[in-house]
C-alpha cells in the first residue's frame, strides 16, 4: 500500500498528512510574517497565505520523493 500512512491502524493518504504538516508550517510562518510586518507590503493577505500553503505543500511533496518516500 504505497502512498498511505498507518496511524494507529488507520490508513491515511500521504497527501493528507503532508497537507496537515504544510498547514502547520504556514500558520507559524504567517504569524512570523505578521509579527515582522511583511503583510503591509501585500494587497490581499489570504491570497498570500494560500500561495504559501501551495508552495510549502509542493516543497514537502518534492522532498518526500527525493528521500525515497512515496506521497
PDB file of N, CA and C in Angstrom:
ATOM      1  N   UNK A   1       0.826  -1.185   0.000  1.00  0.00           N
ATOM      2  CA  UNK A   1       0.000   0.000   0.000  1.00  0.00           C
ATOM      3  C   UNK A   1       0.871   1.249   0.000  1.00  0.00           C
ATOM      4  N   UNK A   2       1.474   1.501  -1.114  1.00  0.00           N
ATOM      5  CA  UNK A   2       2.324   2.677  -1.249  1.00  0.00           C
ATOM      6  C   UNK A   2       1.445   3.916  -1.329  1.00  0.00           C
ATOM      7  N   UNK A   3       1.854   4.951  -0.641  1.00  0.00           N
ATOM      8  CA  UNK A   3       1.101   6.188  -0.680  1.00  0.00           C
ATOM      9  C   UNK A   3       0.153   6.363   0.480  1.00  0.00           C
ATOM     10  N   UNK A   4       0.203   5.461   1.441  1.00  0.00           N
ATOM     11  CA  UNK A   4      -0.644   5.590   2.611  1.00  0.00           C
ATOM     12  C   UNK A   4       0.205   5.477   3.869  1.00  0.00           C
ATOM     13  N   UNK A   5      -0.246   6.153   4.915  1.00  0.00           N
ATOM     14  CA  UNK A   5       0.450   6.144   6.197  1.00  0.00           C
ATOM     15  C   UNK A   5      -0.487   5.525   7.222  1.00  0.00           C
ATOM     16  N   UNK A   6       0.025   4.584   7.991  1.00  0.00           N
ATOM     17  CA  UNK A   6      -0.783   3.943   9.018  1.00  0.00           C
ATOM     18  C   UNK A   6      -0.539   4.627  10.360  1.00  0.00           C
ATOM     19  N   UNK A   7      -1.592   5.215  10.900  1.00  0.00           N
ATOM     20  CA  UNK A   7      -1.534   5.862  12.211  1.00  0.00           C
ATOM     21  C   UNK A   7      -2.540   5.154  13.110  1.00  0.00           C
ATOM     22  N   UNK A   8      -2.028   4.334  13.994  1.00  0.00           N
ATOM     23  CA  UNK A   8      -2.901   3.592  14.902  1.00  0.00           C
ATOM     24  C   UNK A   8      -3.806   2.613  14.182  1.00  0.00           C
ATOM     25  N   UNK A   9      -3.363   2.069  13.064  1.00  0.00           N
ATOM     26  CA  UNK A   9      -4.170   1.115  12.317  1.00  0.00           C
ATOM     27  C   UNK A   9      -5.101   1.768  11.313  1.00  0.00           C
ATOM     28  N   UNK A  10      -5.130   3.080  11.271  1.00  0.00           N
ATOM     29  CA  UNK A  10      -5.975   3.798  10.319  1.00  0.00           C
ATOM     30  C   UNK A  10      -5.086   4.284   9.183  1.00  0.00           C
ATOM     31  N   UNK A  11      -5.431   3.914   7.971  1.00  0.00           N
ATOM     32  CA  UNK A  11      -4.647   4.317   6.820  1.00  0.00           C
ATOM     33  C   UNK A  11      -5.101   5.688   6.330  1.00  0.00           C
ATOM     34  N   UNK A  12      -4.155   6.609   6.251  1.00  0.00           N
ATOM     35  CA  UNK A  12      -4.429   7.957   5.768  1.00  0.00           C
ATOM     36  C   UNK A  12      -3.619   8.196   4.500  1.00  0.00           C
ATOM     37  N   UNK A  13      -4.191   8.906   3.544  1.00  0.00           N
ATOM     38  CA  UNK A  13      -3.412   9.242   2.349  1.00  0.00           C
ATOM     39  C   UNK A  13      -2.220  10.115   2.729  1.00  0.00           C
ATOM     40  N   UNK A  14      -1.093   9.842   2.105  1.00  0.00           N
ATOM     41  CA  UNK A  14       0.109  10.592   2.464  1.00  0.00           C
ATOM     42  C   UNK A  14      -0.020  12.067   2.098  1.00  0.00           C
ATOM     43  N   UNK A  15      -0.815  12.391   1.074  1.00  0.00           N
ATOM     44  CA  UNK A  15      -1.024  13.788   0.720  1.00  0.00           C
ATOM     45  C   UNK A  15      -1.769  14.518   1.826  1.00  0.00           C
ATOM     46  N   UNK A  16      -2.672  13.832   2.523  1.00  0.00           N
ATOM     47  CA  UNK A  16      -3.367  14.445   3.649  1.00  0.00           C
ATOM     48  C   UNK A  16      -2.402  14.740   4.787  1.00  0.00           C
ATOM     49  N   UNK A  17      -1.499  13.829   5.060  1.00  0.00           N
ATOM     50  CA  UNK A  17      -0.507  14.035   6.110  1.00  0.00           C
ATOM     51  C   UNK A  17       0.417  15.198   5.739  1.00  0.00           C
ATOM     52  N   UNK A  18       0.820  15.263   4.467  1.00  0.00           N
ATOM     53  CA  UNK A  18       1.658  16.376   4.016  1.00  0.00           C
ATOM     54  C   UNK A  18       0.905  17.699   4.079  1.00  0.00           C
ATOM     55  N   UNK A  19      -0.386  17.691   3.761  1.00  0.00           N
ATOM     56  CA  UNK A  19      -1.178  18.918   3.804  1.00  0.00           C
ATOM     57  C   UNK A  19      -1.331  19.419   5.239  1.00  0.00           C
ATOM     58  N   UNK A  20      -1.480  18.523   6.192  1.00  0.00           N
ATOM     59  CA  UNK A  20      -1.589  18.932   7.595  1.00  0.00           C
ATOM     60  C   UNK A  20      -0.266  19.518   8.070  1.00  0.00           C
ATOM     61  N   UNK A  21       0.837  18.899   7.661  1.00  0.00           N
ATOM     62  CA  UNK A  21       2.155  19.435   8.022  1.00  0.00           C
ATOM     63  C   UNK A  21       2.373  20.798   7.372  1.00  0.00           C
ATOM     64  N   UNK A  22       1.974  20.950   6.110  1.00  0.00           N
ATOM     65  CA  UNK A  22       2.121  22.236   5.421  1.00  0.00           C
ATOM     66  C   UNK A  22       1.257  23.301   6.074  1.00  0.00           C
ATOM     67  N   UNK A  23       0.076  22.934   6.520  1.00  0.00           N
ATOM     68  CA  UNK A  23      -0.805  23.898   7.193  1.00  0.00           C
ATOM     69  C   UNK A  23      -0.191  24.378   8.496  1.00  0.00           C
ATOM     70  N   UNK A  24       0.411  23.475   9.245  1.00  0.00           N
ATOM     71  CA  UNK A  24       1.063  23.868  10.497  1.00  0.00           C
ATOM     72  C   UNK A  24       2.235  24.809  10.229  1.00  0.00           C
ATOM     73  N   UNK A  25       3.008  24.528   9.183  1.00  0.00           N
ATOM     74  CA  UNK A  25       4.138  25.398   8.845  1.00  0.00           C
ATOM     75  C   UNK A  25       3.643  26.764   8.392  1.00  0.00           C
ATOM     76  N   UNK A  26       2.562  26.796   7.613  1.00  0.00           N
ATOM     77  CA  UNK A  26       2.028  28.071   7.119  1.00  0.00           C
ATOM     78  C   UNK A  26       1.484  28.910   8.266  1.00  0.00           C
ATOM     79  N   UNK A  27       0.850  28.283   9.240  1.00  0.00           N
ATOM     80  CA  UNK A  27       0.346  29.037  10.389  1.00  0.00           C
ATOM     81  C   UNK A  27       1.500  29.699  11.133  1.00  0.00           C
ATOM     82  N   UNK A  28       2.566  28.963  11.363  1.00  0.00           N
ATOM     83  CA  UNK A  28       3.727  29.540  12.037  1.00  0.00           C
ATOM     84  C   UNK A  28       4.377  30.637  11.199  1.00  0.00           C
ATOM     85  N   UNK A  29       4.512  30.393   9.901  1.00  0.00           N
ATOM     86  CA  UNK A  29       5.111  31.382   9.014  1.00  0.00           C
ATOM     87  C   UNK A  29       4.239  32.631   8.893  1.00  0.00           C
ATOM     88  N   UNK A  30       2.936  32.450   8.886  1.00  0.00           N
ATOM     89  CA  UNK A  30       2.023  33.585   8.809  1.00  0.00           C
ATOM     90  C   UNK A  30       2.121  34.461  10.049  1.00  0.00           C
ATOM     91  N   UNK A  31       2.212  33.832  11.205  1.00  0.00           N
ATOM     92  CA  UNK A  31       2.374  34.609  12.440  1.00  0.00           C
ATOM     93  C   UNK A  31       3.703  35.357  12.444  1.00  0.00           C
ATOM     94  N   UNK A  32       4.750  34.716  11.935  1.00  0.00           N
ATOM     95  CA  UNK A  32       6.050  35.372  11.852  1.00  0.00           C
ATOM     96  C   UNK A  32       6.006  36.561  10.894  1.00  0.00           C
ATOM     97  N   UNK A  33       5.361  36.391   9.747  1.00  0.00           N
ATOM     98  CA  UNK A  33       5.250  37.490   8.791  1.00  0.00           C
ATOM     99  C   UNK A  33       4.408  38.641   9.340  1.00  0.00           C
ATOM    100  N   UNK A  34       3.368  38.321  10.094  1.00  0.00           N
ATOM    101  CA  UNK A  34       2.554  39.365  10.708  1.00  0.00           C
ATOM    102  C   UNK A  34       3.340  40.098  11.787  1.00  0.00           C
ATOM    103  N   UNK A  35       4.152  39.379  12.530  1.00  0.00           N
ATOM    104  CA  UNK A  35       4.953  39.993  13.582  1.00  0.00           C
ATOM    105  C   UNK A  35       6.000  40.934  12.997  1.00  0.00           C
ATOM    106  N   UNK A  36       6.599  40.539  11.899  1.00  0.00           N
ATOM    107  CA  UNK A  36       7.619  41.357  11.246  1.00  0.00           C
ATOM    108  C   UNK A  36       6.986  42.539  10.513  1.00  0.00           C
ATOM    109  N   UNK A  37       5.742  42.394  10.092  1.00  0.00           N
ATOM    110  CA  UNK A  37       5.065  43.464   9.373  1.00  0.00           C
ATOM    111  C   UNK A  37       5.155  43.319   7.867  1.00  0.00           C
ATOM    112  N   UNK A  38       5.435  42.135   7.391  1.00  0.00           N
ATOM    113  CA  UNK A  38       5.579  41.916   5.955  1.00  0.00           C
ATOM    114  C   UNK A  38       4.242  41.957   5.222  1.00  0.00           C
ATOM    115  N   UNK A  39       3.142  41.772   5.924  1.00  0.00           N
ATOM    116  CA  UNK A  39       1.834  41.792   5.269  1.00  0.00           C
ATOM    117  C   UNK A  39       1.420  43.208   4.869  1.00  0.00           C
ATOM    118  N   UNK A  40       2.122  44.209   5.335  1.00  0.00           N
ATOM    119  CA  UNK A  40       1.831  45.574   4.898  1.00  0.00           C
ATOM    120  C   UNK A  40       2.203  45.776   3.442  1.00  0.00           C
ATOM    121  N   UNK A  41       3.054  44.923   2.908  1.00  0.00           N
ATOM    122  CA  UNK A  41       3.536  45.069   1.539  1.00  0.00           C
ATOM    123  C   UNK A  41       2.657  44.375   0.506  1.00  0.00           C
ATOM    124  N   UNK A  42       1.674  43.598   0.950  1.00  0.00           N
ATOM    125  CA  UNK A  42       0.812  42.864   0.017  1.00  0.00           C
ATOM    126  C   UNK A  42      -0.595  43.439   0.059  1.00  0.00           C
ATOM    127  N   UNK A  43      -1.301  43.288  -1.062  1.00  0.00           N
ATOM    128  CA  UNK A  43      -2.638  43.859  -1.154  1.00  0.00           C
ATOM    129  C   UNK A  43      -3.712  42.935  -0.575  1.00  0.00           C
ATOM    130  N   UNK A  44      -3.518  41.629  -0.669  1.00  0.00           N
ATOM    131  CA  UNK A  44      -4.561  40.690  -0.257  1.00  0.00           C
ATOM    132  C   UNK A  44      -3.922  39.531   0.505  1.00  0.00           C
ATOM    133  N   UNK A  45      -4.012  39.589   1.818  1.00  0.00           N
ATOM    134  CA  UNK A  45      -3.331  38.632   2.691  1.00  0.00           C
ATOM    135  C   UNK A  45      -3.784  37.181   2.492  1.00  0.00           C
ATOM    136  N   UNK A  46      -5.097  36.903   2.349  1.00  0.00           N
ATOM    137  CA  UNK A  46      -5.491  35.496   2.167  1.00  0.00           C
ATOM    138  C   UNK A  46      -4.890  34.846   0.922  1.00  0.00           C
ATOM    139  N   UNK A  47      -4.713  35.622  -0.140  1.00  0.00           N
ATOM    140  CA  UNK A  47      -4.109  35.075  -1.345  1.00  0.00           C
ATOM    141  C   UNK A  47      -2.652  34.701  -1.099  1.00  0.00           C
ATOM    142  N   UNK A  48      -1.956  35.500  -0.320  1.00  0.00           N
ATOM    143  CA  UNK A  48      -0.564  35.195   0.030  1.00  0.00           C
ATOM    144  C   UNK A  48      -0.508  33.940   0.891  1.00  0.00           C
ATOM    145  N   UNK A  49      -1.450  33.788   1.808  1.00  0.00           N
ATOM    146  CA  UNK A  49      -1.475  32.592   2.651  1.00  0.00           C
ATOM    147  C   UNK A  49      -1.732  31.322   1.841  1.00  0.00           C
ATOM    148  N   UNK A  50      -2.634  31.401   0.875  1.00  0.00           N
ATOM    149  CA  UNK A  50      -2.909  30.242   0.018  1.00  0.00           C
ATOM    150  C   UNK A  50      -1.687  29.908  -0.829  1.00  0.00           C
ATOM    151  N   UNK A  51      -1.037  30.942  -1.359  1.00  0.00           N
ATOM    152  CA  UNK A  51       0.162  30.714  -2.170  1.00  0.00           C
ATOM    153  C   UNK A  51       1.274  30.084  -1.324  1.00  0.00           C
ATOM    154  N   UNK A  52       1.443  30.553  -0.088  1.00  0.00           N
ATOM    155  CA  UNK A  52       2.443  29.955   0.805  1.00  0.00           C
ATOM    156  C   UNK A  52       2.119  28.487   1.083  1.00  0.00           C
ATOM    157  N   UNK A  53       0.838  28.202   1.298  1.00  0.00           N
ATOM    158  CA  UNK A  53       0.430  26.818   1.546  1.00  0.00           C
ATOM    159  C   UNK A  53       0.765  25.922   0.360  1.00  0.00           C
ATOM    160  N   UNK A  54       0.444  26.381  -0.833  1.00  0.00           N
ATOM    161  CA  UNK A  54       0.709  25.565  -2.017  1.00  0.00           C
ATOM    162  C   UNK A  54       2.208  25.387  -2.264  1.00  0.00           C
ATOM    163  N   UNK A  55       2.974  26.438  -2.041  1.00  0.00           N
ATOM    164  CA  UNK A  55       4.419  26.330  -2.209  1.00  0.00           C
ATOM    165  C   UNK A  55       5.034  25.359  -1.205  1.00  0.00           C
ATOM    166  N   UNK A  56       4.608  25.436   0.039  1.00  0.00           N
ATOM    167  CA  UNK A  56       5.168  24.557   1.066  1.00  0.00           C
ATOM    168  C   UNK A  56       4.696  23.120   0.859  1.00  0.00           C
ATOM    169  N   UNK A  57       3.450  22.946   0.452  1.00  0.00           N
ATOM    170  CA  UNK A  57       2.960  21.590   0.166  1.00  0.00           C
ATOM    171  C   UNK A  57       3.739  20.978  -0.990  1.00  0.00           C
ATOM    172  N   UNK A  58       3.989  21.747  -2.031  1.00  0.00           N
ATOM    173  CA  UNK A  58       4.788  21.251  -3.147  1.00  0.00           C
ATOM    174  C   UNK A  58       6.212  20.931  -2.731  1.00  0.00           C
ATOM    175  N   UNK A  59       6.778  21.772  -1.873  1.00  0.00           N
ATOM    176  CA  UNK A  59       8.134  21.526  -1.381  1.00  0.00           C
ATOM    177  C   UNK A  59       8.193  20.244  -0.547  1.00  0.00           C
ATOM    178  N   UNK A  60       7.218  20.052   0.327  1.00  0.00           N
ATOM    179  CA  UNK A  60       7.193  18.829   1.138  1.00  0.00           C
ATOM    180  C   UNK A  60       7.006  17.590   0.265  1.00  0.00           C
ATOM    181  N   UNK A  61       6.136  17.680  -0.738  1.00  0.00           N
ATOM    182  CA  UNK A  61       5.925  16.537  -1.635  1.00  0.00           C
ATOM    183  C   UNK A  61       7.189  16.243  -2.431  1.00  0.00           C
ATOM    184  N   UNK A  62       7.875  17.285  -2.844  1.00  0.00           N
ATOM    185  CA  UNK A  62       9.119  17.107  -3.578  1.00  0.00           C
ATOM    186  C   UNK A  62      10.195  16.486  -2.683  1.00  0.00           C
ATOM    187  N   UNK A  63      10.258  16.925  -1.440  1.00  0.00           N
ATOM    188  CA  UNK A  63      11.255  16.374  -0.533  1.00  0.00           C
ATOM    189  C   UNK A  63      10.983  14.916  -0.187  1.00  0.00           C
ATOM    190  N   UNK A  64       9.723  14.529  -0.088  1.00  0.00           N
ATOM    191  CA  UNK A  64       9.422  13.141   0.228  1.00  0.00           C
ATOM    192  C   UNK A  64       9.803  12.220  -0.923  1.00  0.00           C
ATOM    193  N   UNK A  65       9.626  12.676  -2.169  1.00  0.00           N
ATOM    194  CA  UNK A  65      10.030  11.834  -3.299  1.00  0.00           C
ATOM    195  C   UNK A  65      11.548  11.833  -3.445  1.00  0.00           C
ATOM    196  N   UNK A  66      12.206  12.921  -3.039  1.00  0.00           N
ATOM    197  CA  UNK A  66      13.669  12.983  -3.092  1.00  0.00           C
ATOM    198  C   UNK A  66      14.293  11.994  -2.119  1.00  0.00           C
ATOM    199  N   UNK A  67      13.696  11.863  -0.939  1.00  0.00           N
ATOM    200  CA  UNK A  67      14.246  10.966   0.077  1.00  0.00           C
ATOM    201  C   UNK A  67      13.719   9.550  -0.036  1.00  0.00           C
ATOM    202  N   UNK A  68      12.994   9.247  -1.097  1.00  0.00           N
ATOM    203  CA  UNK A  68      12.560   7.876  -1.336  1.00  0.00           C
ATOM    204  C   UNK A  68      11.212   7.546  -0.734  1.00  0.00           C
ATOM    205  N   UNK A  69      10.551   8.488  -0.120  1.00  0.00           N
ATOM    206  CA  UNK A  69       9.206   8.253   0.395  1.00  0.00           C
ATOM    207  C   UNK A  69       8.204   8.566  -0.709  1.00  0.00           C
ATOM    208  N   UNK A  70       7.163   7.781  -0.805  1.00  0.00           N
ATOM    209  CA  UNK A  70       6.191   7.986  -1.882  1.00  0.00           C
ATOM    210  C   UNK A  70       4.960   8.672  -1.323  1.00  0.00           C
ATOM    211  N   UNK A  71       4.623   9.858  -1.860  1.00  0.00           N
ATOM    212  CA  UNK A  71       3.411  10.539  -1.380  1.00  0.00           C
ATOM    213  C   UNK A  71       2.150   9.898  -1.907  1.00  0.00           C
TER     214      UNK A  71
END
